[in-house]
Amino acid sequence: MILRTFKLGKKRAGTTKAVFRKAEKLRDTKDQPPFYIRGIKAGSKEEYWVSLALDRIQKAEGFSWDYQVPIYGGRQIAGGLVIDFVVYTPGRRTWISPMGRYWHTGVNEDRMDEINAALKANVNLIAYFTDETPTKEYTYMFIKNKLGL
């Protein structure tokens, strides 16, 4: 089974064309859905890949992290959010929010809610689209780079 992801690329004269990239095929038996992160069913394989990257970083650097952390009331109160990953980096926490384009069609609203909450809480925010990290290893390198390691 070959999975394909695409991203819109720019073509001359202002038009766009789709640029197809092959997504990583899940080969390892433990990389088959359903995915669980610390006992919670993961929303996607990309979230699972972030958890694997954070596990590696925790072993190497000692940064602990949590998954699906409710803030300002979470899903129970209007205006509340659930942060996918909270990493306890030295001096300042970091929120990581991997977003799939399919589910986050109102990206400006989602992004602004997270930015405003991050500013209010005085934390770093790493928000990105999951098609920017097409493989498990690339996800690890991306997260490691964004954390400044």
N, C-alpha and C. Protein backbone atom coordinates (compact mmCIF):
# COMPACT_ATOMS: atom_id res chain seq x y z
N MET A 1 0.84 -1.17 0.00
CA MET A 1 0.00 0.00 0.00
C MET A 1 0.89 1.24 0.00
N ILE A 2 0.70 2.09 -0.96
CA ILE A 2 1.48 3.33 -1.05
C ILE A 2 0.56 4.48 -0.71
N LEU A 3 1.00 5.27 0.24
CA LEU A 3 0.24 6.45 0.64
C LEU A 3 0.88 7.66 -0.02
N ARG A 4 0.07 8.58 -0.44
CA ARG A 4 0.61 9.78 -1.06
C ARG A 4 0.11 11.01 -0.32
N THR A 5 1.00 11.94 -0.13
CA THR A 5 0.61 13.24 0.40
C THR A 5 0.94 14.25 -0.68
N PHE A 6 0.30 15.38 -0.62
CA PHE A 6 0.63 16.40 -1.60
C PHE A 6 0.63 17.76 -0.95
N LYS A 7 1.29 18.65 -1.59
CA LYS A 7 1.35 20.03 -1.16
C LYS A 7 1.28 20.89 -2.41
N LEU A 8 0.65 22.03 -2.29
CA LEU A 8 0.54 22.89 -3.45
C LEU A 8 1.85 23.62 -3.68
N GLY A 9 2.36 23.51 -4.88
CA GLY A 9 3.60 24.19 -5.23
C GLY A 9 3.29 25.37 -6.14
N LYS A 10 4.19 26.28 -6.26
CA LYS A 10 3.97 27.46 -7.10
C LYS A 10 4.50 27.19 -8.50
N LYS A 11 3.75 27.59 -9.46
CA LYS A 11 4.13 27.50 -10.85
C LYS A 11 4.25 28.92 -11.39
N ARG A 12 4.86 29.09 -12.49
CA ARG A 12 5.01 30.43 -13.04
C ARG A 12 3.64 31.06 -13.33
N ALA A 13 3.62 32.36 -13.41
CA ALA A 13 2.43 33.16 -13.73
C ALA A 13 1.36 33.05 -12.66
N GLY A 14 1.74 32.69 -11.41
CA GLY A 14 0.80 32.73 -10.30
C GLY A 14 -0.13 31.53 -10.17
N THR A 15 -0.04 30.55 -11.05
CA THR A 15 -0.89 29.36 -10.92
C THR A 15 -0.20 28.35 -10.01
N THR A 16 -0.95 27.38 -9.55
CA THR A 16 -0.37 26.36 -8.67
C THR A 16 -0.59 24.98 -9.26
N LYS A 17 0.24 24.05 -8.85
CA LYS A 17 0.07 22.65 -9.25
C LYS A 17 0.36 21.80 -8.02
N ALA A 18 -0.21 20.63 -7.97
CA ALA A 18 0.01 19.74 -6.84
C ALA A 18 1.35 19.02 -7.02
N VAL A 19 2.13 18.96 -5.94
CA VAL A 19 3.41 18.27 -5.94
C VAL A 19 3.24 17.06 -5.03
N PHE A 20 3.33 15.85 -5.58
CA PHE A 20 3.09 14.64 -4.80
C PHE A 20 4.38 14.11 -4.21
N ARG A 21 4.29 13.71 -2.93
CA ARG A 21 5.40 13.06 -2.25
C ARG A 21 4.87 11.76 -1.67
N LYS A 22 5.68 10.72 -1.67
CA LYS A 22 5.27 9.47 -1.05
C LYS A 22 5.42 9.58 0.46
N ALA A 23 4.36 9.20 1.18
CA ALA A 23 4.43 9.17 2.63
C ALA A 23 5.10 7.86 3.04
N GLU A 24 5.68 7.86 4.23
CA GLU A 24 6.38 6.68 4.71
C GLU A 24 5.39 5.53 4.91
N LYS A 25 5.73 4.36 4.39
CA LYS A 25 4.91 3.17 4.57
C LYS A 25 5.18 2.61 5.96
N LEU A 26 4.12 2.22 6.65
CA LEU A 26 4.27 1.68 7.99
C LEU A 26 4.71 0.23 7.88
N ARG A 27 5.95 -0.06 8.26
CA ARG A 27 6.50 -1.41 8.11
C ARG A 27 6.60 -2.15 9.43
N ASP A 28 6.96 -1.44 10.48
CA ASP A 28 7.13 -2.05 11.79
C ASP A 28 5.76 -2.46 12.34
N THR A 29 5.67 -3.68 12.92
CA THR A 29 4.37 -4.15 13.41
C THR A 29 3.82 -3.27 14.52
N LYS A 30 4.69 -2.67 15.34
CA LYS A 30 4.18 -1.79 16.38
C LYS A 30 3.79 -0.42 15.83
N ASP A 31 4.06 -0.17 14.56
CA ASP A 31 3.65 1.07 13.91
C ASP A 31 2.34 0.93 13.15
N GLN A 32 1.56 -0.07 13.49
CA GLN A 32 0.26 -0.26 12.86
C GLN A 32 -0.83 0.31 13.76
N PRO A 33 -1.84 0.95 13.18
CA PRO A 33 -2.91 1.51 14.01
C PRO A 33 -3.69 0.40 14.72
N PRO A 34 -4.35 0.70 15.82
CA PRO A 34 -4.47 2.01 16.45
C PRO A 34 -3.21 2.36 17.23
N PHE A 35 -2.92 3.64 17.31
CA PHE A 35 -1.75 4.14 18.02
C PHE A 35 -2.17 4.64 19.39
N TYR A 36 -1.35 4.37 20.38
CA TYR A 36 -1.63 4.85 21.74
C TYR A 36 -0.42 5.64 22.25
N ILE A 37 -0.73 6.76 22.89
CA ILE A 37 0.30 7.60 23.49
C ILE A 37 -0.04 7.70 24.97
N ARG A 38 0.78 7.07 25.78
CA ARG A 38 0.59 7.09 27.23
C ARG A 38 -0.83 6.70 27.63
N GLY A 39 -1.32 5.65 26.97
CA GLY A 39 -2.64 5.11 27.29
C GLY A 39 -3.82 5.81 26.63
N ILE A 40 -3.57 6.87 25.89
CA ILE A 40 -4.64 7.61 25.20
C ILE A 40 -4.52 7.31 23.71
N LYS A 41 -5.65 7.00 23.07
CA LYS A 41 -5.62 6.73 21.64
C LYS A 41 -5.21 7.99 20.89
N ALA A 42 -4.17 7.86 20.07
CA ALA A 42 -3.63 9.02 19.33
C ALA A 42 -4.59 9.42 18.22
N GLY A 43 -4.60 10.71 17.92
CA GLY A 43 -5.45 11.23 16.86
C GLY A 43 -4.95 10.87 15.47
N SER A 44 -3.65 10.59 15.34
CA SER A 44 -3.07 10.29 14.02
C SER A 44 -1.72 9.63 14.20
N LYS A 45 -1.22 9.05 13.10
CA LYS A 45 0.12 8.46 13.16
C LYS A 45 1.17 9.55 13.35
N GLU A 46 0.90 10.76 12.85
CA GLU A 46 1.85 11.86 13.02
C GLU A 46 1.97 12.26 14.48
N GLU A 47 0.87 12.26 15.22
CA GLU A 47 0.95 12.52 16.66
C GLU A 47 1.75 11.42 17.35
N TYR A 48 1.55 10.19 16.90
CA TYR A 48 2.31 9.06 17.44
C TYR A 48 3.80 9.26 17.18
N TRP A 49 4.14 9.72 15.97
CA TRP A 49 5.55 9.97 15.63
C TRP A 49 6.13 11.06 16.53
N VAL A 50 5.35 12.10 16.83
CA VAL A 50 5.83 13.15 17.74
C VAL A 50 6.12 12.54 19.11
N SER A 51 5.23 11.66 19.57
CA SER A 51 5.46 11.03 20.88
C SER A 51 6.74 10.19 20.88
N LEU A 52 7.01 9.48 19.78
CA LEU A 52 8.25 8.70 19.69
C LEU A 52 9.47 9.63 19.71
N ALA A 53 9.36 10.76 19.00
CA ALA A 53 10.45 11.74 18.99
C ALA A 53 10.67 12.30 20.40
N LEU A 54 9.59 12.62 21.09
CA LEU A 54 9.72 13.17 22.44
C LEU A 54 10.26 12.14 23.43
N ASP A 55 9.93 10.87 23.23
CA ASP A 55 10.52 9.81 24.06
C ASP A 55 12.04 9.77 23.88
N ARG A 56 12.49 9.85 22.62
CA ARG A 56 13.93 9.86 22.35
C ARG A 56 14.60 11.08 22.97
N ILE A 57 13.96 12.23 22.85
CA ILE A 57 14.51 13.46 23.41
C ILE A 57 14.52 13.39 24.93
N GLN A 58 13.49 12.80 25.52
CA GLN A 58 13.45 12.67 26.98
C GLN A 58 14.61 11.80 27.48
N LYS A 59 14.89 10.71 26.76
CA LYS A 59 16.01 9.85 27.16
C LYS A 59 17.35 10.57 27.02
N ALA A 60 17.51 11.36 25.97
CA ALA A 60 18.78 12.04 25.71
C ALA A 60 18.96 13.31 26.55
N GLU A 61 17.89 14.11 26.69
CA GLU A 61 18.01 15.42 27.31
C GLU A 61 17.35 15.53 28.68
N GLY A 62 16.44 14.61 28.98
CA GLY A 62 15.75 14.65 30.26
C GLY A 62 14.50 15.53 30.29
N PHE A 63 14.06 16.03 29.14
CA PHE A 63 12.84 16.85 29.09
C PHE A 63 11.63 15.94 29.23
N SER A 64 10.80 16.15 30.24
CA SER A 64 9.58 15.36 30.35
C SER A 64 8.49 16.02 29.51
N TRP A 65 7.41 15.29 29.26
CA TRP A 65 6.34 15.82 28.43
C TRP A 65 5.02 15.14 28.77
N ASP A 66 3.92 15.79 28.41
CA ASP A 66 2.57 15.25 28.60
C ASP A 66 1.80 15.35 27.30
N TYR A 67 0.76 14.51 27.19
CA TYR A 67 -0.07 14.44 25.99
C TYR A 67 -1.50 14.83 26.32
N GLN A 68 -2.14 15.59 25.42
CA GLN A 68 -3.54 16.00 25.54
C GLN A 68 -3.80 16.71 26.88
N VAL A 69 -3.19 17.86 27.04
CA VAL A 69 -3.30 18.63 28.28
C VAL A 69 -4.37 19.71 28.12
N PRO A 70 -5.44 19.66 28.93
CA PRO A 70 -6.47 20.71 28.84
C PRO A 70 -6.00 21.99 29.51
N ILE A 71 -6.26 23.13 28.86
CA ILE A 71 -5.95 24.42 29.47
C ILE A 71 -7.20 25.30 29.35
N TYR A 72 -7.36 26.19 30.29
CA TYR A 72 -8.50 27.10 30.33
C TYR A 72 -9.83 26.36 30.19
N GLY A 73 -9.93 25.20 30.83
CA GLY A 73 -11.17 24.42 30.82
C GLY A 73 -11.24 23.33 29.79
N GLY A 74 -10.26 23.24 28.92
CA GLY A 74 -10.24 22.18 27.90
C GLY A 74 -11.47 22.21 27.02
N ARG A 75 -12.02 21.04 26.73
CA ARG A 75 -13.20 20.95 25.86
C ARG A 75 -14.50 21.20 26.64
N GLN A 76 -14.40 21.36 27.94
CA GLN A 76 -15.59 21.52 28.78
C GLN A 76 -16.11 22.96 28.82
N ILE A 77 -15.25 23.94 28.53
CA ILE A 77 -15.61 25.34 28.65
C ILE A 77 -15.32 26.05 27.34
N ALA A 78 -16.23 26.92 26.93
CA ALA A 78 -16.01 27.70 25.71
C ALA A 78 -14.74 28.52 25.86
N GLY A 79 -13.91 28.48 24.86
CA GLY A 79 -12.63 29.20 24.90
C GLY A 79 -11.49 28.35 25.43
N GLY A 80 -11.79 27.17 25.96
CA GLY A 80 -10.74 26.28 26.43
C GLY A 80 -10.09 25.55 25.27
N LEU A 81 -8.89 25.05 25.51
CA LEU A 81 -8.14 24.32 24.48
C LEU A 81 -7.57 23.04 25.06
N VAL A 82 -7.26 22.11 24.19
CA VAL A 82 -6.49 20.93 24.57
C VAL A 82 -5.21 20.97 23.77
N ILE A 83 -4.09 21.08 24.46
CA ILE A 83 -2.79 21.14 23.81
C ILE A 83 -2.31 19.71 23.60
N ASP A 84 -1.90 19.39 22.37
CA ASP A 84 -1.49 18.02 22.05
C ASP A 84 -0.30 17.58 22.90
N PHE A 85 0.77 18.38 22.91
CA PHE A 85 1.97 18.01 23.65
C PHE A 85 2.49 19.21 24.44
N VAL A 86 2.78 18.99 25.70
CA VAL A 86 3.44 20.00 26.53
C VAL A 86 4.80 19.43 26.91
N VAL A 87 5.86 20.13 26.52
CA VAL A 87 7.22 19.69 26.82
C VAL A 87 7.78 20.64 27.88
N TYR A 88 8.31 20.05 28.94
CA TYR A 88 8.83 20.85 30.04
C TYR A 88 10.31 21.12 29.80
N THR A 89 10.54 22.13 28.95
CA THR A 89 11.90 22.55 28.61
C THR A 89 12.42 23.48 29.68
N PRO A 90 13.74 23.56 29.85
CA PRO A 90 14.30 24.42 30.90
C PRO A 90 13.90 25.88 30.73
N GLY A 91 13.41 26.47 31.81
CA GLY A 91 13.08 27.89 31.81
C GLY A 91 11.71 28.24 31.29
N ARG A 92 11.17 27.45 30.37
CA ARG A 92 9.90 27.79 29.75
C ARG A 92 9.30 26.56 29.09
N ARG A 93 8.04 26.30 29.35
CA ARG A 93 7.38 25.16 28.71
C ARG A 93 7.21 25.41 27.21
N THR A 94 7.08 24.32 26.47
CA THR A 94 6.85 24.40 25.03
C THR A 94 5.62 23.57 24.69
N TRP A 95 4.72 24.16 23.91
CA TRP A 95 3.56 23.43 23.41
C TRP A 95 3.85 23.02 21.98
N ILE A 96 3.52 21.77 21.65
CA ILE A 96 3.68 21.29 20.28
C ILE A 96 2.30 20.92 19.75
N SER A 97 1.97 21.47 18.60
CA SER A 97 0.66 21.26 18.00
C SER A 97 0.79 20.83 16.55
N PRO A 98 0.90 19.51 16.30
CA PRO A 98 0.90 19.04 14.91
C PRO A 98 -0.53 19.05 14.37
N MET A 99 -0.74 19.67 13.21
CA MET A 99 -2.09 19.79 12.66
C MET A 99 -2.16 19.19 11.26
N GLY A 100 -3.16 18.36 11.04
CA GLY A 100 -3.44 17.84 9.71
C GLY A 100 -4.31 18.84 8.96
N ARG A 101 -4.03 19.02 7.70
CA ARG A 101 -4.79 20.01 6.92
C ARG A 101 -6.26 19.61 6.76
N TYR A 102 -6.55 18.33 6.76
CA TYR A 102 -7.93 17.87 6.60
C TYR A 102 -8.80 18.35 7.76
N TRP A 103 -8.31 18.20 8.98
CA TRP A 103 -9.10 18.54 10.16
C TRP A 103 -9.02 20.01 10.51
N HIS A 104 -8.00 20.68 10.09
CA HIS A 104 -7.81 22.08 10.47
C HIS A 104 -8.03 23.00 9.27
N THR A 105 -9.25 22.94 8.75
CA THR A 105 -9.56 23.78 7.60
C THR A 105 -9.69 25.24 8.01
N GLY A 106 -10.14 25.49 9.25
CA GLY A 106 -10.21 26.85 9.75
C GLY A 106 -8.90 27.20 10.43
N VAL A 107 -7.80 27.01 9.68
CA VAL A 107 -6.46 27.10 10.25
C VAL A 107 -6.19 28.45 10.92
N ASN A 108 -6.70 29.52 10.36
CA ASN A 108 -6.43 30.83 10.96
C ASN A 108 -7.04 30.94 12.35
N GLU A 109 -8.27 30.42 12.51
CA GLU A 109 -8.90 30.46 13.83
C GLU A 109 -8.16 29.56 14.81
N ASP A 110 -7.84 28.33 14.38
CA ASP A 110 -7.11 27.39 15.24
C ASP A 110 -5.77 27.98 15.66
N ARG A 111 -5.05 28.48 14.70
CA ARG A 111 -3.72 29.02 14.96
C ARG A 111 -3.78 30.23 15.89
N MET A 112 -4.74 31.12 15.65
CA MET A 112 -4.85 32.33 16.48
C MET A 112 -5.24 31.98 17.91
N ASP A 113 -6.13 31.00 18.09
CA ASP A 113 -6.49 30.57 19.45
C ASP A 113 -5.26 30.06 20.19
N GLU A 114 -4.45 29.25 19.50
CA GLU A 114 -3.24 28.71 20.13
C GLU A 114 -2.21 29.80 20.41
N ILE A 115 -2.03 30.71 19.47
CA ILE A 115 -1.06 31.80 19.66
C ILE A 115 -1.47 32.67 20.84
N ASN A 116 -2.74 33.03 20.91
CA ASN A 116 -3.21 33.86 22.02
C ASN A 116 -3.05 33.15 23.36
N ALA A 117 -3.38 31.85 23.40
CA ALA A 117 -3.23 31.08 24.64
C ALA A 117 -1.76 30.96 25.04
N ALA A 118 -0.88 30.75 24.05
CA ALA A 118 0.55 30.63 24.34
C ALA A 118 1.11 31.94 24.87
N LEU A 119 0.69 33.05 24.31
CA LEU A 119 1.14 34.35 24.81
C LEU A 119 0.65 34.59 26.23
N LYS A 120 -0.61 34.24 26.48
CA LYS A 120 -1.18 34.42 27.82
C LYS A 120 -0.47 33.54 28.85
N ALA A 121 -0.13 32.32 28.46
CA ALA A 121 0.52 31.38 29.38
C ALA A 121 2.04 31.55 29.41
N ASN A 122 2.60 32.39 28.53
CA ASN A 122 4.04 32.62 28.45
C ASN A 122 4.82 31.33 28.17
N VAL A 123 4.42 30.65 27.10
CA VAL A 123 5.09 29.42 26.68
C VAL A 123 5.51 29.55 25.23
N ASN A 124 6.44 28.69 24.82
CA ASN A 124 6.82 28.59 23.41
C ASN A 124 5.77 27.75 22.70
N LEU A 125 5.51 28.04 21.44
CA LEU A 125 4.54 27.29 20.65
C LEU A 125 5.18 26.80 19.36
N ILE A 126 5.09 25.50 19.12
CA ILE A 126 5.53 24.92 17.85
C ILE A 126 4.27 24.36 17.20
N ALA A 127 3.73 25.09 16.24
CA ALA A 127 2.52 24.66 15.53
C ALA A 127 2.90 24.49 14.06
N TYR A 128 2.58 23.32 13.51
CA TYR A 128 2.96 23.04 12.13
C TYR A 128 1.99 22.05 11.51
N PHE A 129 1.99 21.99 10.19
CA PHE A 129 1.17 21.02 9.47
C PHE A 129 1.95 19.72 9.32
N THR A 130 1.28 18.61 9.54
CA THR A 130 1.95 17.32 9.55
C THR A 130 2.51 16.90 8.20
N ASP A 131 2.03 17.50 7.11
CA ASP A 131 2.61 17.14 5.81
C ASP A 131 4.01 17.72 5.63
N GLU A 132 4.45 18.57 6.57
CA GLU A 132 5.81 19.09 6.55
C GLU A 132 6.80 18.06 7.10
N THR A 133 6.30 17.03 7.78
CA THR A 133 7.15 15.99 8.37
C THR A 133 6.65 14.63 7.88
N PRO A 134 7.02 14.21 6.67
CA PRO A 134 6.43 13.02 6.06
C PRO A 134 6.92 11.68 6.60
N THR A 135 7.98 11.65 7.42
CA THR A 135 8.48 10.38 7.95
C THR A 135 8.72 10.49 9.45
N LYS A 136 8.84 9.34 10.08
CA LYS A 136 9.09 9.28 11.51
C LYS A 136 10.43 9.93 11.87
N GLU A 137 11.46 9.64 11.11
CA GLU A 137 12.79 10.20 11.38
C GLU A 137 12.81 11.71 11.13
N TYR A 138 12.13 12.15 10.09
CA TYR A 138 12.07 13.58 9.81
C TYR A 138 11.33 14.31 10.92
N THR A 139 10.28 13.68 11.46
CA THR A 139 9.55 14.27 12.60
C THR A 139 10.48 14.46 13.78
N TYR A 140 11.30 13.45 14.06
CA TYR A 140 12.26 13.54 15.16
C TYR A 140 13.23 14.71 14.94
N MET A 141 13.81 14.80 13.75
CA MET A 141 14.76 15.87 13.47
C MET A 141 14.09 17.25 13.53
N PHE A 142 12.86 17.34 13.04
CA PHE A 142 12.11 18.59 13.07
C PHE A 142 11.86 19.06 14.50
N ILE A 143 11.36 18.17 15.35
CA ILE A 143 11.06 18.51 16.74
C ILE A 143 12.36 18.87 17.48
N LYS A 144 13.38 18.07 17.26
CA LYS A 144 14.68 18.33 17.92
C LYS A 144 15.21 19.72 17.53
N ASN A 145 15.12 20.06 16.25
CA ASN A 145 15.57 21.36 15.77
C ASN A 145 14.73 22.49 16.37
N LYS A 146 13.43 22.33 16.40
CA LYS A 146 12.55 23.38 16.93
C LYS A 146 12.77 23.58 18.43
N LEU A 147 13.17 22.53 19.14
CA LEU A 147 13.47 22.65 20.58
C LEU A 147 14.87 23.21 20.82
N GLY A 148 15.63 23.40 19.74
CA GLY A 148 16.97 23.98 19.86
C GLY A 148 18.01 23.00 20.34
N LEU A 149 17.84 21.73 20.02
CA LEU A 149 18.80 20.70 20.46
C LEU A 149 19.72 20.26 19.34
